[in-house]
Amino acid sequence: QVQLVESGGGLVQAGGSLRLSCAASGLTLRLKSVGWFRQAPGKEQEFVASISRMGGSTYYADSVKGRFTISRDNAVNTVYLQMNSLKLEDTAVYYCAADRRSGSMSTMALAGLDYWGQGTQVTVSS
C-alpha cells in the first residue's frame, strides 16, 4: 500500500522557518517527481515546488522562489521543503504529491497526479 505522510507543519511567526517532510512507504521516491502544493482557506490548491525524478531538477512558484528549498534524501525515502522567511500569506495546508512523469509539476493537472499525502497545516502569525 502506497502512503505519503507529511509532517513538520505548525505555528510560526512571520520571518521564521519550518521544514516539512514527505515520507513515503510502498514506493521509491527517487523514481518519482515529487511536489509540494498548498491550499489556503477559500483559495484553490496551488503549486509550490517540485523536484524531478532521478535528475533532481527543482522548480518553484514565483511566490516562494528564494525562500523555499525542496530537496530529497534517498536514503530515507523522504522529500523535504525548507521554508524560510515565512510570510502571512504562506498560511495553508501543505500537501506532497508524487508522480511517475518528469518535469515541473506546475504544469501537471492536480487531479492526474499519482499519489497524494494527507496534508499538514502551516500557520504563519504576525
Foldseek 3Di string as FASTA:
>chain_A
DKAWAKDFADEEAAQAKIKIKIAIDPDQQLQWKKFKWWDDPPDDIAGAKIFWHNVGDIDGDPVQPPFWDWDDDRVRRMIMIIGGRHDQVVWTWMKMFIANDGDTCNPPDPVPTDDIHPTDTHGYHD
